[in-house]
């Protein structure tokens, strides 16, 4: 028998739930409690687990039995009530267990007060106007991808007598000291660096420009105030540098020979055609994603909702924990990382909270579309998604599914699939500004290419990833 659940709003995103559990269910729970307690207690004259119910009742009293009933069964009754009412709590419920009374042959009634995830109802989510994304592929973009491929096949050649300029490579030995004392990581032999890049100290760039093989330099570097090693932070480091060789990058010619070496194609024309077709597909996918995100951001911005502070705090805490875990895997503490990127913990948390507000608003929009359109993710679709992710991790789908089940993550994956369907629905029903009722999706298959967020790359073919990477979220990041 199912519990009976009623709900009333007691505040902004807060409800009081009244749950009535049928007397029959309570009777069964009392029987289970007697059996459980009989297995645990020891009473002289009776074997463990064989103590009669009347003896247990006389020795322990019914309050103990009823306490076991409430302790063991309330979570299940509460979860059933939540499912029946279709609400999602964001915190633990406030339930006064001592106030709950159990009487033989009568239903058990209890109340729970809890803060819940907001529910919004959307209007006008079909036909939202968006700007038409640019899908044209230019010759310059094709050439850029081709040049990036040539860079990967470039070779460094010794340039005798050449002076160093930006883009050249210097093979150097260097020894660094602070106040005459050698410090860890301050010395290296046969170190190759590219002049003019931002991943070396500016002082090295300045001193190396115009130098040639055999030159000996004395480079003074002011260590950053936020340098992770506090003993070196803000100090002046002296580096004795010897230029051992000057090298230049030699790119292969753009010809048929290069096409054969770098791809499965026999001619440069075929390679360029393949690059162009991939760029066309990538831009189409980007355009579809742009349309969807434009709609989502518009609807989220117009949303009239107050986001509970608990949801924001939980998200920010999760982001901080994830960042700390990534840093820890590289042997870096959060404090040292924040110093190195010139961030304060307060600023980091503020950015996490801002990101949380946007993310939650987006999810509320998508959840509203899911409810309004009755979108679902079938078991077959869920299994397909499991198979895709299992392949990414190089494991068997069934093993991966088992792990997800153990972690309770299957429903989260199903929810993700529903939200992706909702996002696609928004894009497919958008219109381009100034173009009347013409759907912004443009084609029958609009939105499908970017559903998984993955792009397949056949062996030997080119993948113009340089032009398809989307801008990632700003803020303190650490690559794992």
Protein backbone atom coordinates (compact mmCIF):
# COMPACT_ATOMS: atom_id res chain seq x y z
CA UNK A 1 0.00 0.00 0.00
CA UNK A 2 1.19 3.45 -0.77
CA UNK A 3 1.56 6.28 1.68
CA UNK A 4 -0.73 9.30 1.38
CA UNK A 5 1.16 12.57 1.04
CA UNK A 6 -0.03 16.17 1.13
CA UNK A 7 2.00 19.34 0.80
CA UNK A 8 1.62 23.01 1.67
CA UNK A 9 4.00 25.88 1.02
CA UNK A 10 5.40 27.45 4.17
CA UNK A 11 7.84 29.87 2.59
CA UNK A 12 9.89 30.62 -0.49
CA UNK A 13 10.98 27.19 -1.80
CA UNK A 14 9.96 25.58 1.49
CA UNK A 15 7.14 23.11 2.08
CA UNK A 16 5.56 21.11 4.88
CA UNK A 17 4.75 17.53 3.93
CA UNK A 18 2.11 15.51 5.80
CA UNK A 19 2.58 11.78 5.34
CA UNK A 20 0.10 9.10 6.36
CA UNK A 21 1.33 5.50 6.41
CA UNK A 22 -1.43 2.83 6.29
CA UNK A 23 -2.00 0.79 9.45
CA UNK A 24 -1.27 -2.40 7.51
CA UNK A 25 2.23 -1.15 6.59
CA UNK A 26 2.90 -0.12 10.19
CA UNK A 27 1.82 -3.56 11.40
CA UNK A 28 4.30 -5.21 9.04
CA UNK A 29 7.03 -2.79 10.16
CA UNK A 30 6.34 -3.64 13.82
CA UNK A 31 6.68 -7.36 13.00
CA UNK A 32 10.01 -6.71 11.29
CA UNK A 33 11.20 -4.67 14.26
CA UNK A 34 10.42 -7.54 16.64
CA UNK A 35 12.38 -9.94 14.44
CA UNK A 36 15.36 -7.59 14.16
CA UNK A 37 15.50 -6.95 17.90
CA UNK A 38 15.12 -10.67 18.67
CA UNK A 39 18.27 -11.32 16.63
CA UNK A 40 20.23 -8.74 18.60
CA UNK A 41 19.24 -9.14 22.25
CA UNK A 42 20.25 -11.89 24.65
CA UNK A 43 17.71 -13.02 27.28
CA UNK A 44 18.52 -15.87 29.68
CA UNK A 45 16.61 -19.02 28.87
CA UNK A 46 16.14 -18.26 25.20
CA UNK A 47 18.35 -18.82 22.18
CA UNK A 48 19.39 -15.69 20.29
CA UNK A 49 16.80 -14.91 17.64
CA UNK A 50 14.21 -17.18 19.23
CA UNK A 51 12.88 -14.86 21.92
CA UNK A 52 9.06 -14.80 21.80
CA UNK A 53 7.39 -11.54 20.94
CA UNK A 54 5.46 -11.37 24.23
CA UNK A 55 8.74 -11.73 26.18
CA UNK A 56 10.43 -8.95 24.19
CA UNK A 57 7.40 -6.72 24.64
CA UNK A 58 7.38 -7.33 28.38
CA UNK A 59 11.13 -6.80 28.77
CA UNK A 60 11.65 -3.83 26.42
CA UNK A 61 8.26 -2.14 26.23
CA UNK A 62 6.55 -1.02 23.04
CA UNK A 63 8.28 2.37 23.03
CA UNK A 64 11.53 0.63 22.13
CA UNK A 65 9.81 -1.35 19.37
CA UNK A 66 8.11 1.74 17.98
CA UNK A 67 11.40 3.63 18.11
CA UNK A 68 12.98 0.92 15.96
CA UNK A 69 10.05 1.14 13.53
CA UNK A 70 10.49 4.89 13.10
CA UNK A 71 14.29 4.72 12.83
CA UNK A 72 14.23 1.96 10.24
CA UNK A 73 11.29 2.98 8.08
CA UNK A 74 10.93 6.78 8.10
CA UNK A 75 13.48 7.32 5.28
CA UNK A 76 11.55 4.96 3.00
CA UNK A 77 8.17 6.54 3.81
CA UNK A 78 9.63 10.02 3.30
CA UNK A 79 11.22 9.08 -0.05
CA UNK A 80 7.92 7.59 -1.24
CA UNK A 81 6.12 10.81 -0.32
CA UNK A 82 8.64 12.92 -2.24
CA UNK A 83 8.20 10.77 -5.34
CA UNK A 84 4.43 10.93 -5.04
CA UNK A 85 4.46 14.73 -4.73
CA UNK A 86 7.11 15.18 -7.43
CA UNK A 87 9.34 17.48 -5.42
CA UNK A 88 13.12 17.55 -5.06
CA UNK A 89 14.57 18.47 -1.66
CA UNK A 90 17.87 20.33 -1.48
CA UNK A 91 18.52 19.70 2.21
CA UNK A 92 17.76 17.26 4.98
CA UNK A 93 14.15 17.37 6.24
CA UNK A 94 13.16 18.68 9.65
CA UNK A 95 11.21 15.83 11.28
CA UNK A 96 10.42 15.67 15.00
CA UNK A 97 10.59 11.92 15.54
CA UNK A 98 9.51 12.21 19.19
CA UNK A 99 6.21 13.73 18.11
CA UNK A 100 5.34 10.77 15.88
CA UNK A 101 2.85 8.46 17.56
CA UNK A 102 2.25 4.82 16.69
CA UNK A 103 -0.91 3.04 17.79
CA UNK A 104 -1.76 -0.54 16.96
CA UNK A 105 -4.30 -0.78 14.15
CA UNK A 106 -4.04 2.91 13.22
CA UNK A 107 -2.14 4.76 10.46
CA UNK A 108 1.08 6.53 11.41
CA UNK A 109 1.18 10.24 10.57
CA UNK A 110 4.26 12.45 10.49
CA UNK A 111 5.22 15.86 9.12
CA UNK A 112 8.43 17.02 7.47
CA UNK A 113 9.51 20.55 6.65
CA UNK A 114 12.08 20.83 3.89
CA UNK A 115 13.60 23.30 1.45
CA UNK A 116 13.01 22.22 -2.14
CA UNK A 117 14.35 22.89 -5.60
CA UNK A 118 12.31 25.65 -7.27
CA UNK A 119 9.85 24.67 -9.99
CA UNK A 120 9.12 27.16 -12.74
CA UNK A 121 6.54 27.25 -15.50
CA UNK A 122 7.77 28.63 -18.81
CA UNK A 123 5.77 30.62 -21.33
CA UNK A 124 6.92 31.48 -24.80
CA UNK A 125 9.78 29.00 -24.95
CA UNK A 126 8.89 28.15 -28.57
CA UNK A 127 9.77 30.61 -31.29
CA UNK A 128 12.46 32.45 -29.33
CA UNK A 129 14.41 34.80 -31.62
CA UNK A 130 18.16 34.24 -31.97
CA UNK A 131 20.96 35.63 -34.11
CA UNK A 132 21.95 33.45 -37.06
CA UNK A 133 25.45 32.03 -36.44
CA UNK A 134 28.10 32.29 -39.14
CA UNK A 135 28.59 28.93 -40.87
CA UNK A 136 30.79 30.05 -43.80
CA UNK A 137 34.13 28.29 -44.13
CA UNK A 138 36.83 30.54 -45.58
CA UNK A 139 40.03 29.68 -47.45
CA UNK A 140 41.96 31.29 -44.59
CA UNK A 141 40.46 28.84 -42.11
CA UNK A 142 41.41 25.89 -44.30
CA UNK A 143 44.95 27.28 -44.60
CA UNK A 144 45.14 27.77 -40.83
CA UNK A 145 44.32 24.13 -40.19
CA UNK A 146 46.79 23.04 -42.85
CA UNK A 147 49.50 25.23 -41.29
CA UNK A 148 48.79 23.71 -37.88
CA UNK A 149 49.29 20.28 -39.40
CA UNK A 150 52.58 21.43 -40.92
CA UNK A 151 53.65 22.71 -37.50
CA UNK A 152 53.26 19.20 -36.12
CA UNK A 153 55.62 17.87 -38.76
CA UNK A 154 58.09 20.73 -38.43
CA UNK A 155 61.76 20.05 -37.72
CA UNK A 156 64.33 22.20 -35.95
CA UNK A 157 67.45 22.99 -37.95
CA UNK A 158 70.66 24.58 -36.73
CA UNK A 159 71.04 28.15 -38.01
CA UNK A 160 74.76 28.92 -37.89
CA UNK A 161 75.59 32.56 -37.23
CA UNK A 162 71.96 33.59 -36.82
CA UNK A 163 70.92 35.98 -34.07
CA UNK A 164 67.89 35.01 -32.01
CA UNK A 165 64.53 36.57 -32.82
CA UNK A 166 61.00 35.72 -31.73
CA UNK A 167 60.03 32.28 -32.99
CA UNK A 168 63.60 30.96 -32.96
CA UNK A 169 64.70 28.23 -30.57
CA UNK A 170 67.65 28.54 -28.21
CA UNK A 171 69.45 25.53 -26.75
CA UNK A 172 70.83 26.78 -23.43
CA UNK A 173 72.42 25.80 -20.14
CA UNK A 174 71.50 27.93 -17.15
CA UNK A 175 72.26 28.08 -13.44
CA UNK A 176 70.11 30.18 -11.13
CA UNK A 177 70.80 31.48 -7.63
CA UNK A 178 69.07 33.73 -5.10
CA UNK A 179 71.45 35.62 -2.83
CA UNK A 180 74.20 33.30 -4.10
CA UNK A 181 72.32 30.15 -3.10
CA UNK A 182 71.26 27.59 -5.71
CA UNK A 183 67.51 26.83 -5.57
CA UNK A 184 65.52 23.82 -6.70
CA UNK A 185 64.52 23.97 -10.36
CA UNK A 186 66.84 26.88 -11.04
CA UNK A 187 69.37 25.00 -13.20
CA UNK A 188 69.19 22.90 -16.37
CA UNK A 189 71.38 21.56 -19.16
CA UNK A 190 70.46 21.43 -22.85
CA UNK A 191 67.21 23.26 -22.25
CA UNK A 192 65.32 24.19 -25.42
CA UNK A 193 63.09 27.24 -25.35
CA UNK A 194 61.28 29.28 -27.95
CA UNK A 195 62.09 32.97 -27.84
CA UNK A 196 59.12 35.31 -27.57
CA UNK A 197 56.68 32.90 -25.93
CA UNK A 198 54.80 33.78 -22.75
CA UNK A 199 55.70 30.57 -20.93
CA UNK A 200 59.15 31.86 -19.96
CA UNK A 201 60.14 34.84 -17.85
CA UNK A 202 60.02 38.11 -19.86
CA UNK A 203 63.59 38.89 -18.80
CA UNK A 204 64.82 35.77 -20.63
CA UNK A 205 63.07 36.90 -23.81
CA UNK A 206 64.56 40.37 -23.57
CA UNK A 207 68.11 39.14 -22.96
CA UNK A 208 68.04 36.37 -25.60
CA UNK A 209 66.82 38.55 -28.47
CA UNK A 210 69.75 39.48 -30.71
CA UNK A 211 72.10 36.93 -29.14
CA UNK A 212 73.88 34.13 -30.98
CA UNK A 213 75.63 30.84 -30.33
CA UNK A 214 78.39 31.16 -27.72
CA UNK A 215 77.02 34.23 -25.97
CA UNK A 216 77.03 34.17 -22.15
CA UNK A 217 74.29 36.11 -20.40
CA UNK A 218 73.60 37.22 -16.86
CA UNK A 219 69.81 37.40 -16.57
CA UNK A 220 68.19 39.02 -13.53
CA UNK A 221 64.66 37.89 -12.80
CA UNK A 222 62.35 39.28 -10.14
CA UNK A 223 60.40 36.36 -8.79
CA UNK A 224 56.63 37.02 -8.54
CA UNK A 225 55.26 38.07 -5.17
CA UNK A 226 52.77 35.20 -5.50
CA UNK A 227 55.46 32.62 -6.31
CA UNK A 228 54.45 29.26 -4.72
CA UNK A 229 57.79 28.93 -2.91
CA UNK A 230 57.52 31.63 -0.24
CA UNK A 231 61.30 31.61 0.28
CA UNK A 232 61.75 32.86 -3.29
CA UNK A 233 58.69 35.09 -3.64
CA UNK A 234 59.62 38.68 -4.48
CA UNK A 235 63.38 37.92 -4.53
CA UNK A 236 65.84 38.69 -7.35
CA UNK A 237 67.20 35.55 -9.01
CA UNK A 238 70.41 35.61 -11.06
CA UNK A 239 70.77 33.22 -13.98
CA UNK A 240 74.04 32.50 -15.77
CA UNK A 241 72.97 31.48 -19.27
CA UNK A 242 75.07 29.99 -22.10
CA UNK A 243 73.60 29.94 -25.62
CA UNK A 244 74.77 26.61 -27.04
CA UNK A 245 72.84 26.58 -30.30
CA UNK A 246 70.39 28.62 -32.35
CA UNK A 247 67.74 26.67 -34.22
CA UNK A 248 64.88 27.60 -36.53
CA UNK A 249 61.69 25.74 -37.29
CA UNK A 250 61.54 24.25 -40.77
CA UNK A 251 58.02 23.55 -41.98
CA UNK A 252 57.35 20.95 -44.71
CA UNK A 253 56.12 22.29 -48.04
CA UNK A 254 52.38 22.26 -48.71
CA UNK A 255 52.41 19.69 -51.48
CA UNK A 256 51.30 16.19 -52.37
CA UNK A 257 54.24 14.62 -50.53
CA UNK A 258 53.15 16.30 -47.31
CA UNK A 259 49.55 15.16 -47.86
CA UNK A 260 50.74 11.55 -48.17
CA UNK A 261 52.87 11.83 -45.04
CA UNK A 262 50.32 13.61 -42.86
CA UNK A 263 47.08 11.91 -43.94
CA UNK A 264 45.50 9.06 -45.89
CA UNK A 265 45.22 11.24 -49.00
CA UNK A 266 47.47 11.20 -52.05
CA UNK A 267 47.18 14.85 -53.06
CA UNK A 268 47.14 18.21 -51.34
CA UNK A 269 43.81 19.01 -52.99
CA UNK A 270 42.19 15.96 -51.45
CA UNK A 271 43.59 16.85 -48.03
CA UNK A 272 42.32 20.44 -48.29
CA UNK A 273 38.92 19.14 -49.37
CA UNK A 274 38.78 16.89 -46.33
CA UNK A 275 39.77 19.77 -44.07
CA UNK A 276 37.04 21.94 -45.57
CA UNK A 277 34.35 19.27 -45.17
CA UNK A 278 35.31 18.77 -41.52
CA UNK A 279 35.22 22.52 -40.92
CA UNK A 280 31.77 22.66 -42.52
CA UNK A 281 30.51 19.93 -40.18
CA UNK A 282 32.22 21.54 -37.18
CA UNK A 283 30.71 24.95 -37.94
CA UNK A 284 27.29 23.37 -38.44
CA UNK A 285 27.56 21.74 -35.03
CA UNK A 286 28.82 24.98 -33.50
CA UNK A 287 25.92 26.88 -35.09
CA UNK A 288 23.39 24.44 -33.68
CA UNK A 289 24.98 24.70 -30.24
CA UNK A 290 25.04 28.49 -30.51
CA UNK A 291 21.31 28.60 -31.34
CA UNK A 292 20.48 26.33 -28.40
CA UNK A 293 22.57 28.30 -25.94
CA UNK A 294 21.18 31.62 -27.14
CA UNK A 295 17.64 30.39 -26.42
CA UNK A 296 18.62 28.91 -23.07
CA UNK A 297 20.43 32.07 -21.94
CA UNK A 298 17.51 34.28 -22.97
CA UNK A 299 14.97 32.18 -21.09
CA UNK A 300 17.23 31.84 -18.05
CA UNK A 301 17.82 35.60 -17.93
CA UNK A 302 14.07 36.27 -17.97
CA UNK A 303 13.35 33.67 -15.31
CA UNK A 304 11.58 35.09 -12.25
CA UNK A 305 12.89 32.82 -9.52
CA UNK A 306 14.73 33.05 -6.23
CA UNK A 307 17.49 30.46 -6.06
CA UNK A 308 17.92 28.95 -2.59
CA UNK A 309 21.25 29.81 -0.99
CA UNK A 310 21.78 26.15 -0.11
CA UNK A 311 21.87 25.18 -3.80
CA UNK A 312 24.44 27.88 -4.54
CA UNK A 313 26.58 26.93 -1.54
CA UNK A 314 26.52 23.24 -2.45
CA UNK A 315 27.63 23.96 -6.02
CA UNK A 316 30.43 26.30 -4.95
CA UNK A 317 31.62 23.75 -2.38
CA UNK A 318 31.63 21.02 -5.02
CA UNK A 319 33.64 23.16 -7.46
CA UNK A 320 36.16 24.01 -4.76
CA UNK A 321 36.50 20.35 -3.80
CA UNK A 322 37.04 19.36 -7.45
CA UNK A 323 39.70 22.05 -7.88
CA UNK A 324 41.50 20.94 -4.71
CA UNK A 325 41.46 17.32 -5.92
CA UNK A 326 42.97 18.27 -9.31
CA UNK A 327 45.63 20.39 -7.64
CA UNK A 328 46.43 17.68 -5.10
CA UNK A 329 47.04 15.17 -7.91
CA UNK A 330 49.78 17.55 -9.15
CA UNK A 331 51.22 18.10 -5.69
CA UNK A 332 49.96 21.68 -5.41
CA UNK A 333 48.05 23.18 -2.50
CA UNK A 334 45.08 25.46 -3.06
CA UNK A 335 46.79 28.31 -1.20
CA UNK A 336 49.90 28.14 -3.39
CA UNK A 337 47.80 27.89 -6.53
CA UNK A 338 45.75 30.95 -5.63
CA UNK A 339 48.94 32.90 -4.95
CA UNK A 340 50.40 31.85 -8.30
CA UNK A 341 47.33 33.00 -10.27
CA UNK A 342 46.87 36.11 -8.09
CA UNK A 343 43.45 35.06 -6.77
CA UNK A 344 41.96 35.28 -3.32
CA UNK A 345 39.79 32.52 -1.93
CA UNK A 346 36.95 35.03 -1.57
CA UNK A 347 37.18 35.99 -5.25
CA UNK A 348 37.27 32.34 -6.26
CA UNK A 349 34.16 31.54 -4.20
CA UNK A 350 32.34 34.58 -5.60
CA UNK A 351 33.02 33.37 -9.15
CA UNK A 352 31.91 29.86 -8.26
CA UNK A 353 28.68 31.28 -6.82
CA UNK A 354 28.04 33.39 -9.93
CA UNK A 355 28.60 30.32 -12.09
CA UNK A 356 26.25 28.35 -9.82
CA UNK A 357 23.43 30.86 -10.26
CA UNK A 358 23.72 30.69 -14.05
CA UNK A 359 23.96 26.90 -14.10
CA UNK A 360 20.95 26.47 -11.81
CA UNK A 361 18.83 28.92 -13.81
CA UNK A 362 19.71 26.98 -16.98
CA UNK A 363 18.73 23.70 -15.35
CA UNK A 364 15.42 25.13 -14.12
CA UNK A 365 14.57 26.20 -17.68
CA UNK A 366 15.42 22.77 -19.10
CA UNK A 367 13.49 20.98 -16.35
CA UNK A 368 10.44 23.13 -17.10
CA UNK A 369 10.66 22.18 -20.80
CA UNK A 370 10.99 18.50 -19.85
CA UNK A 371 7.78 18.68 -17.80
CA UNK A 372 5.87 20.73 -20.35
CA UNK A 373 6.81 18.52 -23.30
CA UNK A 374 6.84 15.21 -21.43
CA UNK A 375 10.39 14.43 -22.51
CA UNK A 376 11.82 11.10 -21.38
CA UNK A 377 15.00 9.09 -21.81
CA UNK A 378 14.24 5.46 -22.60
CA UNK A 379 16.15 2.49 -21.21
CA UNK A 380 17.57 1.93 -24.70
CA UNK A 381 18.86 5.50 -24.88
CA UNK A 382 20.35 5.14 -21.41
CA UNK A 383 22.12 1.94 -22.41
CA UNK A 384 23.47 3.61 -25.57
CA UNK A 385 24.88 6.44 -23.46
CA UNK A 386 26.46 3.96 -21.05
CA UNK A 387 28.05 2.13 -24.00
CA UNK A 388 29.47 5.40 -25.40
CA UNK A 389 30.98 6.45 -22.11
CA UNK A 390 32.29 2.95 -21.42
CA UNK A 391 34.08 3.02 -24.76
CA UNK A 392 35.67 6.37 -23.85
CA UNK A 393 37.07 4.83 -20.64
CA UNK A 394 38.04 1.59 -22.35
CA UNK A 395 35.83 -0.64 -20.18
CA UNK A 396 32.99 -3.06 -20.82
CA UNK A 397 29.50 -1.45 -20.80
CA UNK A 398 28.12 -3.86 -18.21
CA UNK A 399 31.04 -3.23 -15.87
CA UNK A 400 30.58 0.51 -16.30
CA UNK A 401 26.85 0.22 -15.66
CA UNK A 402 27.52 -1.73 -12.48
CA UNK A 403 29.81 1.05 -11.22
CA UNK A 404 27.15 3.65 -12.01
CA UNK A 405 24.54 1.61 -10.16
CA UNK A 406 26.77 1.27 -7.11
CA UNK A 407 27.30 5.04 -7.07
CA UNK A 408 23.62 5.77 -7.63
CA UNK A 409 24.50 7.69 -10.80
CA UNK A 410 22.15 6.05 -13.31
CA UNK A 411 19.27 8.42 -12.64
CA UNK A 412 21.67 11.37 -12.89
CA UNK A 413 22.72 10.12 -16.34
CA UNK A 414 19.07 9.71 -17.36
CA UNK A 415 18.39 13.27 -16.18
CA UNK A 416 21.31 14.51 -18.27
CA UNK A 417 19.84 12.81 -21.34
CA UNK A 418 16.45 14.45 -20.71
CA UNK A 419 18.06 17.87 -20.38
CA UNK A 420 19.98 17.40 -23.61
CA UNK A 421 16.70 16.57 -25.32
CA UNK A 422 15.16 19.72 -23.84
CA UNK A 423 18.07 21.84 -25.08
CA UNK A 424 17.74 20.36 -28.56
CA UNK A 425 13.98 21.03 -28.46
CA UNK A 426 14.60 24.70 -27.65
CA UNK A 427 17.04 25.03 -30.55
CA UNK A 428 14.79 23.23 -33.02
CA UNK A 429 11.90 25.57 -32.16
CA UNK A 430 13.86 28.84 -32.25
CA UNK A 431 13.62 31.38 -35.08
CA UNK A 432 16.20 33.66 -36.61
CA UNK A 433 15.73 37.35 -35.84
CA UNK A 434 14.19 39.19 -38.78
CA UNK A 435 13.38 35.98 -40.67
CA UNK A 436 9.82 35.45 -39.56
CA UNK A 437 8.77 31.97 -38.52
CA UNK A 438 11.64 30.12 -40.19
CA UNK A 439 13.05 27.66 -37.70
CA UNK A 440 16.55 28.44 -36.57
CA UNK A 441 17.47 24.77 -36.65
CA UNK A 442 17.57 24.98 -40.43
CA UNK A 443 17.50 21.24 -41.12
CA UNK A 444 15.55 18.19 -40.09
CA UNK A 445 18.51 16.85 -38.05
CA UNK A 446 19.26 20.13 -36.28
CA UNK A 447 20.84 19.68 -32.88
CA UNK A 448 21.65 15.98 -33.20
CA UNK A 449 25.33 16.30 -34.02
CA UNK A 450 26.27 18.00 -30.76
CA UNK A 451 24.08 15.95 -28.42
CA UNK A 452 26.98 13.89 -27.15
CA UNK A 453 29.52 16.67 -27.29
CA UNK A 454 31.91 14.27 -29.01
CA UNK A 455 33.44 14.34 -32.47
CA UNK A 456 34.73 11.16 -34.04
CA UNK A 457 37.99 11.15 -35.94
CA UNK A 458 38.83 8.43 -38.42
CA UNK A 459 42.34 7.11 -38.54
CA UNK A 460 44.56 9.10 -40.84
CA UNK A 461 42.06 11.94 -41.27
CA UNK A 462 42.46 15.46 -40.09
CA UNK A 463 40.43 16.92 -37.26
CA UNK A 464 40.36 20.74 -37.25
CA UNK A 465 40.02 20.89 -33.50
CA UNK A 466 41.68 24.28 -33.39
CA UNK A 467 38.58 25.82 -34.88
CA UNK A 468 35.96 23.82 -32.99
CA UNK A 469 37.00 24.24 -29.40
CA UNK A 470 34.47 26.37 -27.54
CA UNK A 471 35.44 28.94 -24.95
CA UNK A 472 35.58 27.37 -21.51
CA UNK A 473 34.35 28.80 -18.28
CA UNK A 474 36.57 31.55 -16.93
CA UNK A 475 37.99 31.53 -13.42
CA UNK A 476 40.63 29.70 -11.45
CA UNK A 477 41.31 26.45 -13.26
CA UNK A 478 43.91 23.71 -13.04
CA UNK A 479 44.25 21.14 -15.79
CA UNK A 480 44.42 17.63 -14.54
